């Protein structure tokens, strides 16, 4: 009988997973690089969440990047010293070239590295890691895990409240004119993060109104897109924050109470690659189908 292959799960720090968080379970995290005032930093290595928001508040030039092919392959080579195969789950291909780059270089590993285009980021990507662990630990092969995760990729919704249009303008997400008008009118966008892109969803004038809009949107998604999964008890809800966790206790409690039938999964820092475009004083809410819940 052929011995079962030892499979590692790798991801990048866009998942919100800390570098050492799940290492004992065979999950390894590649730090994402950022350019700040022309210098390169790596999330979780020489760039903390606190440092990142201090840079943003000081109006530093902050931009995202992707790991170099050399860093990516060195990362995989190290993991493969102890494992037979890798399931690599990077951030969504819709927001970065890192997935396409990983797919290209995985071919050099002759079937030992499987790249999953999971269409997710931050707290929804973290849910995918738990799904991958569950599938692996229940005997699924690397090929099967990749197929199942990609089939389930779009079964999530994220809504993000943005306190200021400043960073959306800097990142090219809105025009300077639209940002100026929005600021003058006191608008605070709610964005919807889908598998391929970030879209404007609503333009409320207050955080309180934004919370109501987000709850209504999530209820609609549960009633329409995810009704079957909710009936089966497979949907979870998670929240994410930037530099404002302590200010959001009541907001998060309100959101949790609005969905008593859903399991509350994560309360995590928002991925810095998203925060780079939306700025401080932001929060996000996600509902996601979990493959591992109650199994």
C-alpha atoms as a PDB file:
ATOM      1  CA  UNK A   1       0.000   0.000   0.000  1.00  0.00           C
ATOM      2  CA  UNK A   2       1.371   3.430  -0.992  1.00  0.00           C
ATOM      3  CA  UNK A   3       2.266   5.641   1.953  1.00  0.00           C
ATOM      4  CA  UNK A   4       0.128   8.804   2.259  1.00  0.00           C
ATOM      5  CA  UNK A   5       1.957  11.923   1.171  1.00  0.00           C
ATOM      6  CA  UNK A   6       2.819  14.538   3.743  1.00  0.00           C
ATOM      7  CA  UNK A   7       1.145  17.779   2.602  1.00  0.00           C
ATOM      8  CA  UNK A   8       2.008  21.288   3.828  1.00  0.00           C
ATOM      9  CA  UNK A   9      -0.324  24.282   3.457  1.00  0.00           C
ATOM     10  CA  UNK A  10       1.411  27.519   2.497  1.00  0.00           C
ATOM     11  CA  UNK A  11      -0.070  30.971   2.151  1.00  0.00           C
ATOM     12  CA  UNK A  12       1.040  34.605   2.362  1.00  0.00           C
ATOM     13  CA  UNK A  13       0.505  37.211   5.052  1.00  0.00           C
ATOM     14  CA  UNK A  14      -2.520  38.546   3.141  1.00  0.00           C
ATOM     15  CA  UNK A  15      -4.353  35.757   4.978  1.00  0.00           C
ATOM     16  CA  UNK A  16      -3.914  37.597   8.259  1.00  0.00           C
ATOM     17  CA  UNK A  17      -2.279  34.498   9.716  1.00  0.00           C
ATOM     18  CA  UNK A  18       0.687  35.249  11.951  1.00  0.00           C
ATOM     19  CA  UNK A  19       3.966  33.679  10.843  1.00  0.00           C
ATOM     20  CA  UNK A  20       3.987  31.183  13.741  1.00  0.00           C
ATOM     21  CA  UNK A  21       0.240  30.824  14.280  1.00  0.00           C
ATOM     22  CA  UNK A  22      -0.416  27.446  12.640  1.00  0.00           C
ATOM     23  CA  UNK A  23       3.130  26.236  11.978  1.00  0.00           C
ATOM     24  CA  UNK A  24       2.705  23.215  14.239  1.00  0.00           C
ATOM     25  CA  UNK A  25      -0.231  22.160  12.012  1.00  0.00           C
ATOM     26  CA  UNK A  26       1.872  22.387   8.852  1.00  0.00           C
ATOM     27  CA  UNK A  27       0.857  25.901   7.756  1.00  0.00           C
ATOM     28  CA  UNK A  28       3.637  28.220   6.592  1.00  0.00           C
ATOM     29  CA  UNK A  29       3.294  31.940   5.835  1.00  0.00           C
ATOM     30  CA  UNK A  30       5.258  33.934   3.264  1.00  0.00           C
ATOM     31  CA  UNK A  31       5.632  37.585   4.408  1.00  0.00           C
ATOM     32  CA  UNK A  32       4.327  40.110   1.854  1.00  0.00           C
ATOM     33  CA  UNK A  33       6.627  42.989   0.868  1.00  0.00           C
ATOM     34  CA  UNK A  34       5.685  46.673   0.950  1.00  0.00           C
ATOM     35  CA  UNK A  35       7.475  49.720  -0.391  1.00  0.00           C
ATOM     36  CA  UNK A  36       7.384  52.600   2.084  1.00  0.00           C
ATOM     37  CA  UNK A  37       9.123  55.816   1.116  1.00  0.00           C
ATOM     38  CA  UNK A  38      11.243  53.778  -1.299  1.00  0.00           C
ATOM     39  CA  UNK A  39      12.348  51.170   1.274  1.00  0.00           C
ATOM     40  CA  UNK A  40      11.232  47.549   1.284  1.00  0.00           C
ATOM     41  CA  UNK A  41       9.543  46.115   4.352  1.00  0.00           C
ATOM     42  CA  UNK A  42       8.100  42.656   5.035  1.00  0.00           C
ATOM     43  CA  UNK A  43       4.839  42.193   6.903  1.00  0.00           C
ATOM     44  CA  UNK A  44       5.382  40.465  10.235  1.00  0.00           C
ATOM     45  CA  UNK A  45       9.178  40.625   9.901  1.00  0.00           C
ATOM     46  CA  UNK A  46      10.263  44.256  10.044  1.00  0.00           C
ATOM     47  CA  UNK A  47       6.806  45.807   9.623  1.00  0.00           C
ATOM     48  CA  UNK A  48       4.198  45.550  12.380  1.00  0.00           C
ATOM     49  CA  UNK A  49       0.571  46.630  12.138  1.00  0.00           C
ATOM     50  CA  UNK A  50       1.371  49.570  14.433  1.00  0.00           C
ATOM     51  CA  UNK A  51       4.328  50.671  12.289  1.00  0.00           C
ATOM     52  CA  UNK A  52       2.242  50.432   9.130  1.00  0.00           C
ATOM     53  CA  UNK A  53      -0.492  52.770  10.380  1.00  0.00           C
ATOM     54  CA  UNK A  54       2.028  55.237  11.752  1.00  0.00           C
ATOM     55  CA  UNK A  55       3.530  55.417   8.258  1.00  0.00           C
ATOM     56  CA  UNK A  56       0.084  55.981   6.755  1.00  0.00           C
ATOM     57  CA  UNK A  57      -0.791  58.694   9.249  1.00  0.00           C
ATOM     58  CA  UNK A  58       2.468  60.490   8.456  1.00  0.00           C
ATOM     59  CA  UNK A  59       1.448  60.505   4.763  1.00  0.00           C
ATOM     60  CA  UNK A  60       4.305  58.221   3.718  1.00  0.00           C
ATOM     61  CA  UNK A  61       4.312  56.758   0.226  1.00  0.00           C
ATOM     62  CA  UNK A  62       3.063  53.216   0.811  1.00  0.00           C
ATOM     63  CA  UNK A  63       2.508  50.646  -1.908  1.00  0.00           C
ATOM     64  CA  UNK A  64       2.059  46.895  -2.118  1.00  0.00           C
ATOM     65  CA  UNK A  65       4.374  44.525  -3.917  1.00  0.00           C
ATOM     66  CA  UNK A  66       4.614  40.778  -4.469  1.00  0.00           C
ATOM     67  CA  UNK A  67       7.297  38.371  -3.272  1.00  0.00           C
ATOM     68  CA  UNK A  68      10.215  37.951  -5.659  1.00  0.00           C
ATOM     69  CA  UNK A  69      10.363  34.598  -7.486  1.00  0.00           C
ATOM     70  CA  UNK A  70      13.582  33.854  -5.597  1.00  0.00           C
ATOM     71  CA  UNK A  71      11.977  34.459  -2.195  1.00  0.00           C
ATOM     72  CA  UNK A  72       8.953  32.375  -3.163  1.00  0.00           C
ATOM     73  CA  UNK A  73      11.033  29.427  -4.355  1.00  0.00           C
ATOM     74  CA  UNK A  74      13.369  29.599  -1.354  1.00  0.00           C
ATOM     75  CA  UNK A  75      10.256  29.507   0.840  1.00  0.00           C
ATOM     76  CA  UNK A  76       8.885  26.421  -0.923  1.00  0.00           C
ATOM     77  CA  UNK A  77      12.297  24.709  -0.963  1.00  0.00           C
ATOM     78  CA  UNK A  78      12.563  25.057   2.812  1.00  0.00           C
ATOM     79  CA  UNK A  79       9.064  23.637   3.373  1.00  0.00           C
ATOM     80  CA  UNK A  80       9.684  20.717   1.017  1.00  0.00           C
ATOM     81  CA  UNK A  81      12.600  19.564   3.156  1.00  0.00           C
ATOM     82  CA  UNK A  82      10.002  18.128   5.544  1.00  0.00           C
ATOM     83  CA  UNK A  83       6.962  17.624   3.307  1.00  0.00           C
ATOM     84  CA  UNK A  84       6.207  15.746   0.090  1.00  0.00           C
ATOM     85  CA  UNK A  85       3.795  18.278  -1.419  1.00  0.00           C
ATOM     86  CA  UNK A  86       2.573  21.837  -0.941  1.00  0.00           C
ATOM     87  CA  UNK A  87      -0.869  23.381  -1.305  1.00  0.00           C
ATOM     88  CA  UNK A  88      -0.103  27.083  -1.835  1.00  0.00           C
ATOM     89  CA  UNK A  89      -3.025  29.485  -1.279  1.00  0.00           C
ATOM     90  CA  UNK A  90      -2.052  33.086  -2.107  1.00  0.00           C
ATOM     91  CA  UNK A  91      -4.285  36.149  -2.180  1.00  0.00           C
ATOM     92  CA  UNK A  92      -6.882  36.379  -4.952  1.00  0.00           C
ATOM     93  CA  UNK A  93      -5.564  36.632  -8.503  1.00  0.00           C
ATOM     94  CA  UNK A  94      -8.000  39.521  -9.023  1.00  0.00           C
ATOM     95  CA  UNK A  95      -5.991  41.865  -6.806  1.00  0.00           C
ATOM     96  CA  UNK A  96      -2.400  40.758  -7.382  1.00  0.00           C
ATOM     97  CA  UNK A  97      -0.106  39.023  -9.839  1.00  0.00           C
ATOM     98  CA  UNK A  98       1.332  36.903  -7.016  1.00  0.00           C
ATOM     99  CA  UNK A  99      -1.041  34.019  -7.794  1.00  0.00           C
ATOM    100  CA  UNK A 100      -0.076  33.996 -11.488  1.00  0.00           C
ATOM    101  CA  UNK A 101       3.610  34.199 -10.564  1.00  0.00           C
ATOM    102  CA  UNK A 102       3.265  31.299  -8.131  1.00  0.00           C
ATOM    103  CA  UNK A 103       1.417  29.225 -10.739  1.00  0.00           C
ATOM    104  CA  UNK A 104       4.213  29.789 -13.251  1.00  0.00           C
ATOM    105  CA  UNK A 105       7.028  28.816 -10.887  1.00  0.00           C
ATOM    106  CA  UNK A 106       5.135  25.847  -9.436  1.00  0.00           C
ATOM    107  CA  UNK A 107       5.676  24.112 -12.784  1.00  0.00           C
ATOM    108  CA  UNK A 108       9.372  23.804 -11.916  1.00  0.00           C
ATOM    109  CA  UNK A 109       8.459  21.549  -8.982  1.00  0.00           C
ATOM    110  CA  UNK A 110       7.113  18.735 -11.171  1.00  0.00           C
ATOM    111  CA  UNK A 111       3.826  18.133  -9.377  1.00  0.00           C
ATOM    112  CA  UNK A 112       4.972  18.830  -5.823  1.00  0.00           C
ATOM    113  CA  UNK A 113       3.448  22.339  -5.550  1.00  0.00           C
ATOM    114  CA  UNK A 114      -0.256  23.014  -6.193  1.00  0.00           C
ATOM    115  CA  UNK A 115      -1.320  26.676  -6.399  1.00  0.00           C
ATOM    116  CA  UNK A 116      -4.946  27.411  -5.482  1.00  0.00           C
ATOM    117  CA  UNK A 117      -6.607  30.450  -7.083  1.00  0.00           C
ATOM    118  CA  UNK A 118      -8.960  30.868  -4.162  1.00  0.00           C
ATOM    119  CA  UNK A 119     -10.326  34.345  -5.023  1.00  0.00           C
ATOM    120  CA  UNK A 120      -9.973  35.419  -1.390  1.00  0.00           C
ATOM    121  CA  UNK A 121      -8.044  37.682   0.933  1.00  0.00           C
ATOM    122  CA  UNK A 122      -7.798  38.454   4.666  1.00  0.00           C
ATOM    123  CA  UNK A 123     -10.387  36.752   6.894  1.00  0.00           C
ATOM    124  CA  UNK A 124     -11.969  34.788   4.031  1.00  0.00           C
ATOM    125  CA  UNK A 125      -8.539  33.516   2.951  1.00  0.00           C
ATOM    126  CA  UNK A 126      -7.884  32.482   6.546  1.00  0.00           C
ATOM    127  CA  UNK A 127     -11.079  30.412   6.412  1.00  0.00           C
ATOM    128  CA  UNK A 128      -9.678  28.675   3.314  1.00  0.00           C
ATOM    129  CA  UNK A 129      -6.608  27.639   5.307  1.00  0.00           C
ATOM    130  CA  UNK A 130      -8.832  25.943   7.894  1.00  0.00           C
ATOM    131  CA  UNK A 131     -10.727  24.233   5.048  1.00  0.00           C
ATOM    132  CA  UNK A 132      -7.454  23.033   3.518  1.00  0.00           C
ATOM    133  CA  UNK A 133      -6.314  21.602   6.851  1.00  0.00           C
ATOM    134  CA  UNK A 134      -9.641  19.831   7.314  1.00  0.00           C
ATOM    135  CA  UNK A 135      -9.531  18.328   3.800  1.00  0.00           C
ATOM    136  CA  UNK A 136      -5.902  17.239   4.189  1.00  0.00           C
ATOM    137  CA  UNK A 137      -6.473  15.699   7.592  1.00  0.00           C
ATOM    138  CA  UNK A 138      -9.439  13.771   6.204  1.00  0.00           C
ATOM    139  CA  UNK A 139      -7.410  12.075   3.532  1.00  0.00           C
ATOM    140  CA  UNK A 140      -7.906  14.287   0.490  1.00  0.00           C
ATOM    141  CA  UNK A 141      -5.014  14.394  -1.983  1.00  0.00           C
ATOM    142  CA  UNK A 142      -3.337  17.652  -3.025  1.00  0.00           C
ATOM    143  CA  UNK A 143      -5.207  17.565  -6.350  1.00  0.00           C
ATOM    144  CA  UNK A 144      -8.543  17.068  -4.588  1.00  0.00           C
ATOM    145  CA  UNK A 145      -7.859  19.865  -2.099  1.00  0.00           C
ATOM    146  CA  UNK A 146      -7.052  22.295  -4.906  1.00  0.00           C
ATOM    147  CA  UNK A 147     -10.203  21.358  -6.829  1.00  0.00           C
ATOM    148  CA  UNK A 148     -12.501  21.604  -3.799  1.00  0.00           C
ATOM    149  CA  UNK A 149     -11.097  24.967  -2.643  1.00  0.00           C
ATOM    150  CA  UNK A 150     -11.420  26.474  -6.119  1.00  0.00           C
ATOM    151  CA  UNK A 151     -14.995  25.180  -6.445  1.00  0.00           C
ATOM    152  CA  UNK A 152     -15.809  26.880  -3.128  1.00  0.00           C
ATOM    153  CA  UNK A 153     -13.791  30.030  -3.841  1.00  0.00           C
ATOM    154  CA  UNK A 154     -16.632  32.493  -4.456  1.00  0.00           C
ATOM    155  CA  UNK A 155     -18.789  31.387  -1.538  1.00  0.00           C
ATOM    156  CA  UNK A 156     -18.018  34.444   0.574  1.00  0.00           C
ATOM    157  CA  UNK A 157     -18.810  38.152   0.805  1.00  0.00           C
ATOM    158  CA  UNK A 158     -16.754  40.956   2.347  1.00  0.00           C
ATOM    159  CA  UNK A 159     -18.028  44.484   2.963  1.00  0.00           C
ATOM    160  CA  UNK A 160     -15.562  47.170   4.049  1.00  0.00           C
ATOM    161  CA  UNK A 161     -16.359  50.514   5.666  1.00  0.00           C
ATOM    162  CA  UNK A 162     -13.893  53.229   4.638  1.00  0.00           C
ATOM    163  CA  UNK A 163     -13.565  56.268   6.902  1.00  0.00           C
ATOM    164  CA  UNK A 164     -11.847  58.516   4.338  1.00  0.00           C
ATOM    165  CA  UNK A 165     -11.477  58.631   0.547  1.00  0.00           C
ATOM    166  CA  UNK A 166      -7.883  59.837   0.852  1.00  0.00           C
ATOM    167  CA  UNK A 167      -6.180  56.468   0.394  1.00  0.00           C
ATOM    168  CA  UNK A 168      -8.641  55.305  -2.259  1.00  0.00           C
ATOM    169  CA  UNK A 169      -7.559  58.361  -4.247  1.00  0.00           C
ATOM    170  CA  UNK A 170      -3.841  57.722  -3.649  1.00  0.00           C
ATOM    171  CA  UNK A 171      -4.208  54.132  -4.799  1.00  0.00           C
ATOM    172  CA  UNK A 172      -6.117  55.096  -7.923  1.00  0.00           C
ATOM    173  CA  UNK A 173      -9.348  53.465  -6.746  1.00  0.00           C
ATOM    174  CA  UNK A 174     -11.276  56.734  -7.200  1.00  0.00           C
ATOM    175  CA  UNK A 175     -10.469  59.891  -9.130  1.00  0.00           C
ATOM    176  CA  UNK A 176      -9.210  62.989  -7.357  1.00  0.00           C
ATOM    177  CA  UNK A 177     -12.429  64.815  -8.281  1.00  0.00           C
ATOM    178  CA  UNK A 178     -14.644  62.054  -6.899  1.00  0.00           C
ATOM    179  CA  UNK A 179     -12.576  61.949  -3.707  1.00  0.00           C
ATOM    180  CA  UNK A 180     -12.864  65.710  -3.250  1.00  0.00           C
ATOM    181  CA  UNK A 181     -16.635  65.681  -3.801  1.00  0.00           C
ATOM    182  CA  UNK A 182     -17.038  62.711  -1.480  1.00  0.00           C
ATOM    183  CA  UNK A 183     -15.008  64.436   1.227  1.00  0.00           C
ATOM    184  CA  UNK A 184     -16.993  67.669   0.890  1.00  0.00           C
ATOM    185  CA  UNK A 185     -20.273  65.764   1.182  1.00  0.00           C
ATOM    186  CA  UNK A 186     -18.968  63.756   4.128  1.00  0.00           C
ATOM    187  CA  UNK A 187     -19.414  60.420   2.350  1.00  0.00           C
ATOM    188  CA  UNK A 188     -17.809  57.297   3.809  1.00  0.00           C
ATOM    189  CA  UNK A 189     -17.827  54.492   1.243  1.00  0.00           C
ATOM    190  CA  UNK A 190     -18.829  50.912   1.800  1.00  0.00           C
ATOM    191  CA  UNK A 191     -16.890  48.690  -0.579  1.00  0.00           C
ATOM    192  CA  UNK A 192     -17.703  45.157  -1.648  1.00  0.00           C
ATOM    193  CA  UNK A 193     -14.720  42.882  -2.100  1.00  0.00           C
ATOM    194  CA  UNK A 194     -15.462  40.152  -4.622  1.00  0.00           C
ATOM    195  CA  UNK A 195     -13.202  37.469  -5.979  1.00  0.00           C
ATOM    196  CA  UNK A 196     -11.736  39.639  -8.697  1.00  0.00           C
ATOM    197  CA  UNK A 197     -11.970  43.243  -7.565  1.00  0.00           C
ATOM    198  CA  UNK A 198     -13.010  45.859  -5.038  1.00  0.00           C
ATOM    199  CA  UNK A 199     -16.231  47.660  -6.009  1.00  0.00           C
ATOM    200  CA  UNK A 200     -18.043  50.666  -4.558  1.00  0.00           C
ATOM    201  CA  UNK A 201     -21.212  49.385  -2.879  1.00  0.00           C
ATOM    202  CA  UNK A 202     -22.758  52.351  -1.056  1.00  0.00           C
ATOM    203  CA  UNK A 203     -21.980  55.908   0.040  1.00  0.00           C
ATOM    204  CA  UNK A 204     -23.403  56.548   3.513  1.00  0.00           C
ATOM    205  CA  UNK A 205     -22.586  59.655   5.531  1.00  0.00           C
ATOM    206  CA  UNK A 206     -21.848  57.949   8.834  1.00  0.00           C
ATOM    207  CA  UNK A 207     -20.415  54.797  10.326  1.00  0.00           C
ATOM    208  CA  UNK A 208     -23.770  54.055  11.974  1.00  0.00           C
ATOM    209  CA  UNK A 209     -25.541  54.098   8.594  1.00  0.00           C
ATOM    210  CA  UNK A 210     -22.735  52.026   7.061  1.00  0.00           C
ATOM    211  CA  UNK A 211     -23.235  49.303   9.672  1.00  0.00           C
ATOM    212  CA  UNK A 212     -26.943  49.088   8.799  1.00  0.00           C
ATOM    213  CA  UNK A 213     -26.133  48.910   5.073  1.00  0.00           C
ATOM    214  CA  UNK A 214     -23.601  46.127   5.665  1.00  0.00           C
ATOM    215  CA  UNK A 215     -26.032  44.107   7.811  1.00  0.00           C
ATOM    216  CA  UNK A 216     -28.763  44.453   5.174  1.00  0.00           C
ATOM    217  CA  UNK A 217     -26.360  43.378   2.417  1.00  0.00           C
ATOM    218  CA  UNK A 218     -25.232  40.325   4.377  1.00  0.00           C
ATOM    219  CA  UNK A 219     -28.824  39.312   5.132  1.00  0.00           C
ATOM    220  CA  UNK A 220     -29.595  39.608   1.406  1.00  0.00           C
ATOM    221  CA  UNK A 221     -26.590  37.469   0.479  1.00  0.00           C
ATOM    222  CA  UNK A 222     -27.621  34.819   3.002  1.00  0.00           C
ATOM    223  CA  UNK A 223     -31.194  34.788   1.700  1.00  0.00           C
ATOM    224  CA  UNK A 224     -30.172  34.602  -1.950  1.00  0.00           C
ATOM    225  CA  UNK A 225     -26.637  33.420  -2.745  1.00  0.00           C
ATOM    226  CA  UNK A 226     -26.024  31.325   0.356  1.00  0.00           C
ATOM    227  CA  UNK A 227     -29.482  30.174   1.441  1.00  0.00           C
ATOM    228  CA  UNK A 228     -28.712  26.468   1.070  1.00  0.00           C
ATOM    229  CA  UNK A 229     -25.396  26.755   2.927  1.00  0.00           C
ATOM    230  CA  UNK A 230     -27.049  28.690   5.762  1.00  0.00           C
ATOM    231  CA  UNK A 231     -29.745  26.006   6.088  1.00  0.00           C
ATOM    232  CA  UNK A 232     -26.980  23.421   6.368  1.00  0.00           C
ATOM    233  CA  UNK A 233     -25.209  25.428   9.092  1.00  0.00           C
ATOM    234  CA  UNK A 234     -22.131  26.023   6.922  1.00  0.00           C
ATOM    235  CA  UNK A 235     -21.888  29.827   7.013  1.00  0.00           C
ATOM    236  CA  UNK A 236     -19.602  31.702   9.403  1.00  0.00           C
ATOM    237  CA  UNK A 237     -19.233  35.422  10.087  1.00  0.00           C
ATOM    238  CA  UNK A 238     -15.950  37.240  10.765  1.00  0.00           C
ATOM    239  CA  UNK A 239     -14.868  40.827  11.344  1.00  0.00           C
ATOM    240  CA  UNK A 240     -11.636  42.693  10.670  1.00  0.00           C
ATOM    241  CA  UNK A 241     -10.219  46.025  11.764  1.00  0.00           C
ATOM    242  CA  UNK A 242      -7.306  48.356  11.027  1.00  0.00           C
ATOM    243  CA  UNK A 243      -5.960  50.514  13.866  1.00  0.00           C
ATOM    244  CA  UNK A 244      -9.318  50.866  15.585  1.00  0.00           C
ATOM    245  CA  UNK A 245     -10.173  47.571  17.280  1.00  0.00           C
ATOM    246  CA  UNK A 246     -10.864  49.163  20.671  1.00  0.00           C
ATOM    247  CA  UNK A 247     -13.324  51.600  19.090  1.00  0.00           C
ATOM    248  CA  UNK A 248     -15.364  48.846  17.440  1.00  0.00           C
ATOM    249  CA  UNK A 249     -16.489  46.708  20.387  1.00  0.00           C
ATOM    250  CA  UNK A 250     -20.117  47.855  20.180  1.00  0.00           C
ATOM    251  CA  UNK A 251     -20.149  47.734  16.365  1.00  0.00           C
ATOM    252  CA  UNK A 252     -18.905  44.164  16.297  1.00  0.00           C
ATOM    253  CA  UNK A 253     -21.341  43.093  19.016  1.00  0.00           C
ATOM    254  CA  UNK A 254     -24.189  44.654  17.014  1.00  0.00           C
ATOM    255  CA  UNK A 255     -23.113  42.766  13.890  1.00  0.00           C
ATOM    256  CA  UNK A 256     -22.741  39.449  15.744  1.00  0.00           C
ATOM    257  CA  UNK A 257     -26.179  39.854  17.358  1.00  0.00           C
ATOM    258  CA  UNK A 258     -27.744  40.491  13.950  1.00  0.00           C
ATOM    259  CA  UNK A 259     -26.714  37.003  12.812  1.00  0.00           C
ATOM    260  CA  UNK A 260     -27.433  34.689  15.760  1.00  0.00           C
ATOM    261  CA  UNK A 261     -27.577  31.576  13.547  1.00  0.00           C
ATOM    262  CA  UNK A 262     -24.025  32.044  12.218  1.00  0.00           C
ATOM    263  CA  UNK A 263     -20.864  30.890  13.961  1.00  0.00           C
ATOM    264  CA  UNK A 264     -18.589  33.817  14.824  1.00  0.00           C
ATOM    265  CA  UNK A 265     -15.167  32.799  13.523  1.00  0.00           C
ATOM    266  CA  UNK A 266     -12.495  35.531  13.503  1.00  0.00           C
ATOM    267  CA  UNK A 267     -11.895  39.010  14.835  1.00  0.00           C
ATOM    268  CA  UNK A 268      -8.615  39.793  13.090  1.00  0.00           C
ATOM    269  CA  UNK A 269      -6.548  42.676  11.799  1.00  0.00           C
ATOM    270  CA  UNK A 270      -7.430  43.480   8.190  1.00  0.00           C
ATOM    271  CA  UNK A 271      -4.815  42.413   5.684  1.00  0.00           C
ATOM    272  CA  UNK A 272      -2.303  45.236   5.163  1.00  0.00           C
ATOM    273  CA  UNK A 273      -2.589  44.838   1.390  1.00  0.00           C
ATOM    274  CA  UNK A 274      -6.249  45.882   1.709  1.00  0.00           C
ATOM    275  CA  UNK A 275      -5.513  48.510   4.371  1.00  0.00           C
ATOM    276  CA  UNK A 276      -2.973  50.091   2.029  1.00  0.00           C
ATOM    277  CA  UNK A 277      -5.858  51.119  -0.251  1.00  0.00           C
ATOM    278  CA  UNK A 278      -8.542  51.921   2.329  1.00  0.00           C
ATOM    279  CA  UNK A 279      -6.505  53.541   5.105  1.00  0.00           C
ATOM    280  CA  UNK A 280      -6.889  53.719   8.912  1.00  0.00           C
ATOM    281  CA  UNK A 281     -10.161  53.731  10.871  1.00  0.00           C
ATOM    282  CA  UNK A 282     -11.618  51.066   8.604  1.00  0.00           C
ATOM    283  CA  UNK A 283     -13.374  47.787   9.322  1.00  0.00           C
ATOM    284  CA  UNK A 284     -14.662  44.834   7.353  1.00  0.00           C
ATOM    285  CA  UNK A 285     -17.308  42.147   7.810  1.00  0.00           C
ATOM    286  CA  UNK A 286     -17.366  38.818   5.969  1.00  0.00           C
ATOM    287  CA  UNK A 287     -19.622  35.821   5.689  1.00  0.00           C
ATOM    288  CA  UNK A 288     -18.032  32.664   4.326  1.00  0.00           C
ATOM    289  CA  UNK A 289     -19.020  29.107   3.655  1.00  0.00           C
ATOM    290  CA  UNK A 290     -16.907  26.848   5.864  1.00  0.00           C
ATOM    291  CA  UNK A 291     -16.137  23.320   4.695  1.00  0.00           C
ATOM    292  CA  UNK A 292     -14.867  22.316   8.115  1.00  0.00           C
ATOM    293  CA  UNK A 293     -17.536  23.741  10.440  1.00  0.00           C
ATOM    294  CA  UNK A 294     -19.284  21.164  12.620  1.00  0.00           C
ATOM    295  CA  UNK A 295     -17.545  18.326  10.751  1.00  0.00           C
END
